[in-house]
Structure formats: C-alpha cells, structure tokens
Amino acid sequence: NGRLAMMAIIGMFFQDGLTGSAWGDWALYTASPLRAFENELGVQAPLGFWDPAGFCKSGDVEDFNQRRAAEIKHGRVAMYATMGYIVPEYYKFPGFCSPSLNLKFADIPNGIQALYKVPLEGWLQWV
C-alpha cells in the first residue's frame, strides 16, 4: 500500500503541474499536443493518452508510430523473457550440461544462480 501511495502522490504532482490543481480536470488542459493521439487504439479512460515521460509531446505522428511499434516489440521480448524464467521451474533438459564435470541440466539452479553453476566454457559456447 505504501508503494501505491507513493505512485499516487507522484501522479498528483504531475497533474498539478499540468492543470494547476492536483484534482484538476484533464479536459481543461487543451493546449497539449498529446491531444493529437487521444483517439488512438489503446487510449482508455480515465487516463486518456498517457505519456508521463513526454516522448510524444511534439505531436509528430511518425514518431508516435515508431515508438508504438518499438513498445509492442519490447513487450513481446519481455513476454518471452518471462516464459524463459518460468519454464525452467517445471522442465529441465535430460542429460548432461558438462559430462566431464558430471553436471546434469537438472542440477543447474534457475535464475542468477545458474551463472555460478555453469562452467565458463559452457557460457563461451554461446558467444
């Protein structure tokens, strides 16, 4: 709850800077070039077009489309990374990772600890 409250107060400061009131109405802030993207796919109430870092404040449509495509690609990579972190909890390859060290895939822990268990030669094969 504390973290949620911290995010809420940051949002209130941001809104206060835009509208002049922490409880201000976004509809009163009509001078924003962000209004150019209010009807885009994915814009939802109550936030509307949300760009807290101001990447699209220029209102350039080509820039917006490029950033949207990058966001989709990065989101897909993040989903694959999440699956790559979850799957080893339930499935391990059969056999040996390093027969000379008698190291089985099942003996390698998940996450960061795998960095210390897999021999350096094993990591160098990937490079």
Foldseek 3Di string as FASTA:
>chain_A
DVVVVVVLVVQLVLVCVQAVGSPDDPVVRPPFLCVLCQPPPPQDPPVGDDDSVCQCRVNDPVSVVVVVVVVVVVVVVVVVVVCVQPVVVPDFDADALDVVVPHTRVNQDGDPSNVVVRDPVSVVVVD
